[in-house]
PDB file of N, CA and C in Angstrom:
ATOM      1  N   UNK A   1     -13.390  14.621  -1.200  1.00  0.00           N
ATOM      2  CA  UNK A   1     -12.045  14.481  -0.668  1.00  0.00           C
ATOM      3  C   UNK A   1     -11.263  13.563  -1.596  1.00  0.00           C
ATOM      4  N   UNK A   2     -10.039  13.948  -1.858  1.00  0.00           N
ATOM      5  CA  UNK A   2      -9.206  13.150  -2.744  1.00  0.00           C
ATOM      6  C   UNK A   2      -7.850  12.901  -2.080  1.00  0.00           C
ATOM      7  N   UNK A   3      -7.451  11.640  -2.057  1.00  0.00           N
ATOM      8  CA  UNK A   3      -6.157  11.247  -1.501  1.00  0.00           C
ATOM      9  C   UNK A   3      -5.377  10.579  -2.623  1.00  0.00           C
ATOM     10  N   UNK A   4      -4.155  11.041  -2.823  1.00  0.00           N
ATOM     11  CA  UNK A   4      -3.322  10.454  -3.870  1.00  0.00           C
ATOM     12  C   UNK A   4      -1.868  10.449  -3.398  1.00  0.00           C
ATOM     13  N   UNK A   5      -1.238   9.298  -3.505  1.00  0.00           N
ATOM     14  CA  UNK A   5       0.158   9.152  -3.098  1.00  0.00           C
ATOM     15  C   UNK A   5       1.074   9.304  -4.305  1.00  0.00           C
ATOM     16  N   UNK A   6       2.267   9.839  -4.069  1.00  0.00           N
ATOM     17  CA  UNK A   6       3.260   9.835  -5.141  1.00  0.00           C
ATOM     18  C   UNK A   6       4.164   8.612  -4.942  1.00  0.00           C
ATOM     19  N   UNK A   7       5.098   8.402  -5.860  1.00  0.00           N
ATOM     20  CA  UNK A   7       5.909   7.170  -5.792  1.00  0.00           C
ATOM     21  C   UNK A   7       6.776   7.110  -4.541  1.00  0.00           C
ATOM     22  N   UNK A   8       7.273   8.249  -4.070  1.00  0.00           N
ATOM     23  CA  UNK A   8       8.087   8.241  -2.853  1.00  0.00           C
ATOM     24  C   UNK A   8       7.255   7.849  -1.636  1.00  0.00           C
ATOM     25  N   UNK A   9       6.035   8.348  -1.573  1.00  0.00           N
ATOM     26  CA  UNK A   9       5.155   7.990  -0.456  1.00  0.00           C
ATOM     27  C   UNK A   9       4.768   6.516  -0.515  1.00  0.00           C
ATOM     28  N   UNK A  10       4.522   6.017  -1.709  1.00  0.00           N
ATOM     29  CA  UNK A  10       4.185   4.600  -1.856  1.00  0.00           C
ATOM     30  C   UNK A  10       5.368   3.734  -1.449  1.00  0.00           C
ATOM     31  N   UNK A  11       6.570   4.126  -1.857  1.00  0.00           N
ATOM     32  CA  UNK A  11       7.753   3.354  -1.495  1.00  0.00           C
ATOM     33  C   UNK A  11       7.973   3.374   0.013  1.00  0.00           C
ATOM     34  N   UNK A  12       7.739   4.515   0.657  1.00  0.00           N
ATOM     35  CA  UNK A  12       7.876   4.603   2.118  1.00  0.00           C
ATOM     36  C   UNK A  12       6.850   3.702   2.810  1.00  0.00           C
ATOM     37  N   UNK A  13       5.625   3.692   2.294  1.00  0.00           N
ATOM     38  CA  UNK A  13       4.588   2.810   2.837  1.00  0.00           C
ATOM     39  C   UNK A  13       4.978   1.351   2.663  1.00  0.00           C
ATOM     40  N   UNK A  14       5.463   1.002   1.480  1.00  0.00           N
ATOM     41  CA  UNK A  14       5.904  -0.366   1.219  1.00  0.00           C
ATOM     42  C   UNK A  14       7.049  -0.755   2.152  1.00  0.00           C
ATOM     43  N   UNK A  15       7.995   0.140   2.355  1.00  0.00           N
ATOM     44  CA  UNK A  15       9.126  -0.146   3.243  1.00  0.00           C
ATOM     45  C   UNK A  15       8.659  -0.396   4.667  1.00  0.00           C
ATOM     46  N   UNK A  16       7.703   0.410   5.134  1.00  0.00           N
ATOM     47  CA  UNK A  16       7.176   0.224   6.487  1.00  0.00           C
ATOM     48  C   UNK A  16       6.466  -1.123   6.606  1.00  0.00           C
ATOM     49  N   UNK A  17       5.715  -1.497   5.585  1.00  0.00           N
ATOM     50  CA  UNK A  17       5.027  -2.789   5.605  1.00  0.00           C
ATOM     51  C   UNK A  17       6.010  -3.949   5.575  1.00  0.00           C
ATOM     52  N   UNK A  18       7.033  -3.843   4.735  1.00  0.00           N
ATOM     53  CA  UNK A  18       8.041  -4.904   4.651  1.00  0.00           C
ATOM     54  C   UNK A  18       8.763  -5.042   5.979  1.00  0.00           C
ATOM     55  N   UNK A  19       9.091  -3.914   6.605  1.00  0.00           N
ATOM     56  CA  UNK A  19       9.763  -3.963   7.912  1.00  0.00           C
ATOM     57  C   UNK A  19       8.873  -4.656   8.936  1.00  0.00           C
ATOM     58  N   UNK A  20       7.593  -4.322   8.920  1.00  0.00           N
ATOM     59  CA  UNK A  20       6.644  -4.926   9.861  1.00  0.00           C
ATOM     60  C   UNK A  20       6.524  -6.435   9.629  1.00  0.00           C
ATOM     61  N   UNK A  21       6.418  -6.848   8.376  1.00  0.00           N
ATOM     62  CA  UNK A  21       6.302  -8.272   8.045  1.00  0.00           C
ATOM     63  C   UNK A  21       7.584  -9.004   8.433  1.00  0.00           C
ATOM     64  N   UNK A  22       8.726  -8.381   8.197  1.00  0.00           N
ATOM     65  CA  UNK A  22      10.009  -9.021   8.501  1.00  0.00           C
ATOM     66  C   UNK A  22      10.218  -9.211  10.002  1.00  0.00           C
ATOM     67  N   UNK A  23       9.500  -8.470  10.818  1.00  0.00           N
ATOM     68  CA  UNK A  23       9.617  -8.616  12.268  1.00  0.00           C
ATOM     69  C   UNK A  23       8.795  -9.779  12.818  1.00  0.00           C
ATOM     70  N   UNK A  24       8.022 -10.431  11.970  1.00  0.00           N
ATOM     71  CA  UNK A  24       7.189 -11.558  12.394  1.00  0.00           C
ATOM     72  C   UNK A  24       8.079 -12.667  12.947  1.00  0.00           C
ATOM     73  N   UNK A  25       7.859 -13.051  14.194  1.00  0.00           N
ATOM     74  CA  UNK A  25       8.728 -14.067  14.805  1.00  0.00           C
ATOM     75  C   UNK A  25       8.601 -15.459  14.193  1.00  0.00           C
ATOM     76  N   UNK A  26       7.552 -15.710  13.421  1.00  0.00           N
ATOM     77  CA  UNK A  26       7.389 -17.032  12.830  1.00  0.00           C
ATOM     78  C   UNK A  26       8.198 -17.200  11.541  1.00  0.00           C
ATOM     79  N   UNK A  27       8.750 -16.100  11.010  1.00  0.00           N
ATOM     80  CA  UNK A  27       9.549 -16.189   9.786  1.00  0.00           C
ATOM     81  C   UNK A  27      10.957 -16.677  10.087  1.00  0.00           C
ATOM     82  N   UNK A  28      11.490 -17.429   9.176  1.00  0.00           N
ATOM     83  CA  UNK A  28      12.888 -17.852   9.307  1.00  0.00           C
ATOM     84  C   UNK A  28      13.782 -16.714   8.823  1.00  0.00           C
ATOM     85  N   UNK A  29      15.049 -16.785   9.165  1.00  0.00           N
ATOM     86  CA  UNK A  29      16.000 -15.777   8.704  1.00  0.00           C
ATOM     87  C   UNK A  29      16.081 -15.761   7.180  1.00  0.00           C
ATOM     88  N   UNK A  30      15.954 -16.925   6.579  1.00  0.00           N
ATOM     89  CA  UNK A  30      15.987 -17.021   5.116  1.00  0.00           C
ATOM     90  C   UNK A  30      14.791 -16.285   4.492  1.00  0.00           C
ATOM     91  N   UNK A  31      13.620 -16.448   5.094  1.00  0.00           N
ATOM     92  CA  UNK A  31      12.426 -15.754   4.596  1.00  0.00           C
ATOM     93  C   UNK A  31      12.544 -14.241   4.755  1.00  0.00           C
ATOM     94  N   UNK A  32      13.083 -13.807   5.899  1.00  0.00           N
ATOM     95  CA  UNK A  32      13.295 -12.371   6.109  1.00  0.00           C
ATOM     96  C   UNK A  32      14.243 -11.813   5.049  1.00  0.00           C
ATOM     97  N   UNK A  33      15.307 -12.516   4.791  1.00  0.00           N
ATOM     98  CA  UNK A  33      16.275 -12.070   3.789  1.00  0.00           C
ATOM     99  C   UNK A  33      15.643 -12.038   2.401  1.00  0.00           C
ATOM    100  N   UNK A  34      14.821 -13.017   2.094  1.00  0.00           N
ATOM    101  CA  UNK A  34      14.151 -13.076   0.789  1.00  0.00           C
ATOM    102  C   UNK A  34      13.209 -11.879   0.606  1.00  0.00           C
ATOM    103  N   UNK A  35      12.463 -11.538   1.651  1.00  0.00           N
ATOM    104  CA  UNK A  35      11.546 -10.395   1.586  1.00  0.00           C
ATOM    105  C   UNK A  35      12.320  -9.099   1.389  1.00  0.00           C
ATOM    106  N   UNK A  36      13.368  -8.912   2.156  1.00  0.00           N
ATOM    107  CA  UNK A  36      14.170  -7.691   2.023  1.00  0.00           C
ATOM    108  C   UNK A  36      14.863  -7.617   0.667  1.00  0.00           C
ATOM    109  N   UNK A  37      15.333  -8.735   0.192  1.00  0.00           N
ATOM    110  CA  UNK A  37      15.990  -8.767  -1.122  1.00  0.00           C
ATOM    111  C   UNK A  37      14.987  -8.418  -2.223  1.00  0.00           C
ATOM    112  N   UNK A  38      13.765  -8.943  -2.123  1.00  0.00           N
ATOM    113  CA  UNK A  38      12.720  -8.612  -3.101  1.00  0.00           C
ATOM    114  C   UNK A  38      12.478  -7.107  -3.131  1.00  0.00           C
ATOM    115  N   UNK A  39      12.361  -6.512  -1.946  1.00  0.00           N
ATOM    116  CA  UNK A  39      12.114  -5.069  -1.904  1.00  0.00           C
ATOM    117  C   UNK A  39      13.274  -4.284  -2.485  1.00  0.00           C
ATOM    118  N   UNK A  40      14.482  -4.655  -2.167  1.00  0.00           N
ATOM    119  CA  UNK A  40      15.632  -3.878  -2.634  1.00  0.00           C
ATOM    120  C   UNK A  40      15.939  -4.106  -4.115  1.00  0.00           C
ATOM    121  N   UNK A  41      15.609  -5.279  -4.644  1.00  0.00           N
ATOM    122  CA  UNK A  41      15.905  -5.553  -6.051  1.00  0.00           C
ATOM    123  C   UNK A  41      14.763  -5.181  -6.983  1.00  0.00           C
ATOM    124  N   UNK A  42      13.534  -5.468  -6.599  1.00  0.00           N
ATOM    125  CA  UNK A  42      12.398  -5.279  -7.506  1.00  0.00           C
ATOM    126  C   UNK A  42      11.623  -3.995  -7.256  1.00  0.00           C
ATOM    127  N   UNK A  43      11.606  -3.504  -6.035  1.00  0.00           N
ATOM    128  CA  UNK A  43      10.755  -2.371  -5.681  1.00  0.00           C
ATOM    129  C   UNK A  43      11.594  -1.138  -5.343  1.00  0.00           C
ATOM    130  N   UNK A  44      12.511  -0.802  -6.223  1.00  0.00           N
ATOM    131  CA  UNK A  44      13.349   0.381  -6.019  1.00  0.00           C
ATOM    132  C   UNK A  44      12.509   1.644  -6.201  1.00  0.00           C
ATOM    133  N   UNK A  45      12.854   2.697  -5.455  1.00  0.00           N
ATOM    134  CA  UNK A  45      12.120   3.952  -5.641  1.00  0.00           C
ATOM    135  C   UNK A  45      12.249   4.443  -7.089  1.00  0.00           C
ATOM    136  N   UNK A  46      11.140   4.787  -7.678  1.00  0.00           N
ATOM    137  CA  UNK A  46      11.149   5.283  -9.045  1.00  0.00           C
ATOM    138  C   UNK A  46      11.150   4.219 -10.124  1.00  0.00           C
ATOM    139  N   UNK A  47      11.160   2.946  -9.743  1.00  0.00           N
ATOM    140  CA  UNK A  47      11.166   1.879 -10.745  1.00  0.00           C
ATOM    141  C   UNK A  47       9.775   1.717 -11.350  1.00  0.00           C
ATOM    142  N   UNK A  48       9.711   0.984 -12.441  1.00  0.00           N
ATOM    143  CA  UNK A  48       8.425   0.746 -13.108  1.00  0.00           C
ATOM    144  C   UNK A  48       7.462  -0.003 -12.186  1.00  0.00           C
ATOM    145  N   UNK A  49       7.965  -0.959 -11.424  1.00  0.00           N
ATOM    146  CA  UNK A  49       7.091  -1.716 -10.526  1.00  0.00           C
ATOM    147  C   UNK A  49       6.549  -0.829  -9.399  1.00  0.00           C
ATOM    148  N   UNK A  50       7.362   0.090  -8.922  1.00  0.00           N
ATOM    149  CA  UNK A  50       6.893   1.014  -7.891  1.00  0.00           C
ATOM    150  C   UNK A  50       5.859   1.978  -8.463  1.00  0.00           C
ATOM    151  N   UNK A  51       6.061   2.419  -9.689  1.00  0.00           N
ATOM    152  CA  UNK A  51       5.058   3.289 -10.327  1.00  0.00           C
ATOM    153  C   UNK A  51       3.749   2.535 -10.539  1.00  0.00           C
ATOM    154  N   UNK A  52       3.837   1.271 -10.913  1.00  0.00           N
ATOM    155  CA  UNK A  52       2.626   0.458 -11.079  1.00  0.00           C
ATOM    156  C   UNK A  52       1.915   0.268  -9.740  1.00  0.00           C
ATOM    157  N   UNK A  53       2.682   0.026  -8.691  1.00  0.00           N
ATOM    158  CA  UNK A  53       2.097  -0.111  -7.358  1.00  0.00           C
ATOM    159  C   UNK A  53       1.432   1.196  -6.936  1.00  0.00           C
ATOM    160  N   UNK A  54       2.063   2.315  -7.218  1.00  0.00           N
ATOM    161  CA  UNK A  54       1.495   3.622  -6.890  1.00  0.00           C
ATOM    162  C   UNK A  54       0.155   3.824  -7.594  1.00  0.00           C
ATOM    163  N   UNK A  55       0.099   3.487  -8.868  1.00  0.00           N
ATOM    164  CA  UNK A  55      -1.159   3.611  -9.619  1.00  0.00           C
ATOM    165  C   UNK A  55      -2.241   2.719  -9.013  1.00  0.00           C
ATOM    166  N   UNK A  56      -1.884   1.507  -8.647  1.00  0.00           N
ATOM    167  CA  UNK A  56      -2.843   0.567  -8.055  1.00  0.00           C
ATOM    168  C   UNK A  56      -3.331   1.075  -6.697  1.00  0.00           C
ATOM    169  N   UNK A  57      -2.424   1.547  -5.869  1.00  0.00           N
ATOM    170  CA  UNK A  57      -2.804   2.070  -4.557  1.00  0.00           C
ATOM    171  C   UNK A  57      -3.739   3.264  -4.724  1.00  0.00           C
ATOM    172  N   UNK A  58      -3.408   4.177  -5.631  1.00  0.00           N
ATOM    173  CA  UNK A  58      -4.245   5.356  -5.841  1.00  0.00           C
ATOM    174  C   UNK A  58      -5.621   4.975  -6.382  1.00  0.00           C
ATOM    175  N   UNK A  59      -5.688   4.007  -7.277  1.00  0.00           N
ATOM    176  CA  UNK A  59      -6.983   3.534  -7.785  1.00  0.00           C
ATOM    177  C   UNK A  59      -7.817   2.932  -6.657  1.00  0.00           C
ATOM    178  N   UNK A  60      -7.174   2.127  -5.821  1.00  0.00           N
ATOM    179  CA  UNK A  60      -7.895   1.507  -4.710  1.00  0.00           C
ATOM    180  C   UNK A  60      -8.365   2.546  -3.697  1.00  0.00           C
ATOM    181  N   UNK A  61      -7.536   3.538  -3.412  1.00  0.00           N
ATOM    182  CA  UNK A  61      -7.941   4.610  -2.498  1.00  0.00           C
ATOM    183  C   UNK A  61      -9.129   5.387  -3.059  1.00  0.00           C
ATOM    184  N   UNK A  62      -9.082   5.722  -4.338  1.00  0.00           N
ATOM    185  CA  UNK A  62     -10.174   6.468  -4.963  1.00  0.00           C
ATOM    186  C   UNK A  62     -11.472   5.662  -4.924  1.00  0.00           C
ATOM    187  N   UNK A  63     -11.391   4.366  -5.209  1.00  0.00           N
ATOM    188  CA  UNK A  63     -12.575   3.514  -5.197  1.00  0.00           C
ATOM    189  C   UNK A  63     -13.141   3.402  -3.781  1.00  0.00           C
ATOM    190  N   UNK A  64     -12.275   3.271  -2.789  1.00  0.00           N
ATOM    191  CA  UNK A  64     -12.720   3.178  -1.401  1.00  0.00           C
ATOM    192  C   UNK A  64     -13.396   4.469  -0.958  1.00  0.00           C
ATOM    193  N   UNK A  65     -12.799   5.604  -1.309  1.00  0.00           N
ATOM    194  CA  UNK A  65     -13.388   6.895  -0.950  1.00  0.00           C
ATOM    195  C   UNK A  65     -14.747   7.071  -1.625  1.00  0.00           C
ATOM    196  N   UNK A  66     -14.855   6.655  -2.867  1.00  0.00           N
ATOM    197  CA  UNK A  66     -16.117   6.766  -3.592  1.00  0.00           C
ATOM    198  C   UNK A  66     -17.186   5.875  -2.952  1.00  0.00           C
ATOM    199  N   UNK A  67     -16.817   4.669  -2.583  1.00  0.00           N
ATOM    200  CA  UNK A  67     -17.765   3.756  -1.940  1.00  0.00           C
ATOM    201  C   UNK A  67     -18.226   4.293  -0.589  1.00  0.00           C
ATOM    202  N   UNK A  68     -17.311   4.873   0.183  1.00  0.00           N
ATOM    203  CA  UNK A  68     -17.686   5.434   1.478  1.00  0.00           C
ATOM    204  C   UNK A  68     -18.612   6.629   1.306  1.00  0.00           C
ATOM    205  N   UNK A  69     -18.352   7.462   0.316  1.00  0.00           N
ATOM    206  CA  UNK A  69     -19.219   8.611   0.078  1.00  0.00           C
ATOM    207  C   UNK A  69     -20.609   8.145  -0.333  1.00  0.00           C
ATOM    208  N   UNK A  70     -20.680   7.136  -1.176  1.00  0.00           N
ATOM    209  CA  UNK A  70     -21.965   6.616  -1.629  1.00  0.00           C
ATOM    210  C   UNK A  70     -22.725   5.992  -0.460  1.00  0.00           C
ATOM    211  N   UNK A  71     -22.041   5.242   0.409  1.00  0.00           N
ATOM    212  CA  UNK A  71     -22.743   4.596   1.511  1.00  0.00           C
ATOM    213  C   UNK A  71     -23.219   5.627   2.535  1.00  0.00           C
ATOM    214  N   UNK A  72     -22.558   6.761   2.676  1.00  0.00           N
ATOM    215  CA  UNK A  72     -23.028   7.825   3.561  1.00  0.00           C
ATOM    216  C   UNK A  72     -24.327   8.423   3.029  1.00  0.00           C
ATOM    217  N   UNK A  73     -24.451   8.536   1.732  1.00  0.00           N
ATOM    218  CA  UNK A  73     -25.654   9.082   1.125  1.00  0.00           C
ATOM    219  C   UNK A  73     -26.828   8.139   1.316  1.00  0.00           C
ATOM    220  N   UNK A  74     -26.586   6.842   1.239  1.00  0.00           N
ATOM    221  CA  UNK A  74     -27.662   5.863   1.323  1.00  0.00           C
ATOM    222  C   UNK A  74     -28.147   5.630   2.755  1.00  0.00           C
ATOM    223  N   UNK A  75     -27.357   5.978   3.747  1.00  0.00           N
ATOM    224  CA  UNK A  75     -27.761   5.748   5.135  1.00  0.00           C
ATOM    225  C   UNK A  75     -28.858   6.737   5.514  1.00  0.00           C
ATOM    226  N   UNK A  76     -29.880   6.214   6.123  1.00  0.00           N
ATOM    227  CA  UNK A  76     -30.939   7.105   6.600  1.00  0.00           C
ATOM    228  C   UNK A  76     -30.541   7.660   7.959  1.00  0.00           C
ATOM    229  N   UNK A  77     -30.822   8.912   8.178  1.00  0.00           N
ATOM    230  CA  UNK A  77     -30.408   9.546   9.427  1.00  0.00           C
ATOM    231  C   UNK A  77     -31.545   9.621  10.454  1.00  0.00           C
ATOM    232  N   UNK A  78     -32.683   9.035  10.156  1.00  0.00           N
ATOM    233  CA  UNK A  78     -33.802   9.121  11.077  1.00  0.00           C
ATOM    234  C   UNK A  78     -33.826   7.981  12.083  1.00  0.00           C
ATOM    235  N   UNK A  79     -32.928   7.017  11.987  1.00  0.00           N
ATOM    236  CA  UNK A  79     -32.950   5.898  12.946  1.00  0.00           C
ATOM    237  C   UNK A  79     -32.372   6.262  14.259  1.00  0.00           C
TER     238      UNK A  79
END
């Protein structure tokens, strides 16, 4: 099984995470604004940083899937 995100999907995931973090009641309004400003200025859809994040996410997903497949093989089914 192979899972791979494109840059638009990665940006949508990042936006959902930023929205979730910004809803944290312990954050100040200044911190919320700083987080949103970071996303809108540095993590634009199609930017180099978003492409780098996409590559990192895809590498991590592939490694996780590989580790899960390997651990399924090593588990004994007779227990």
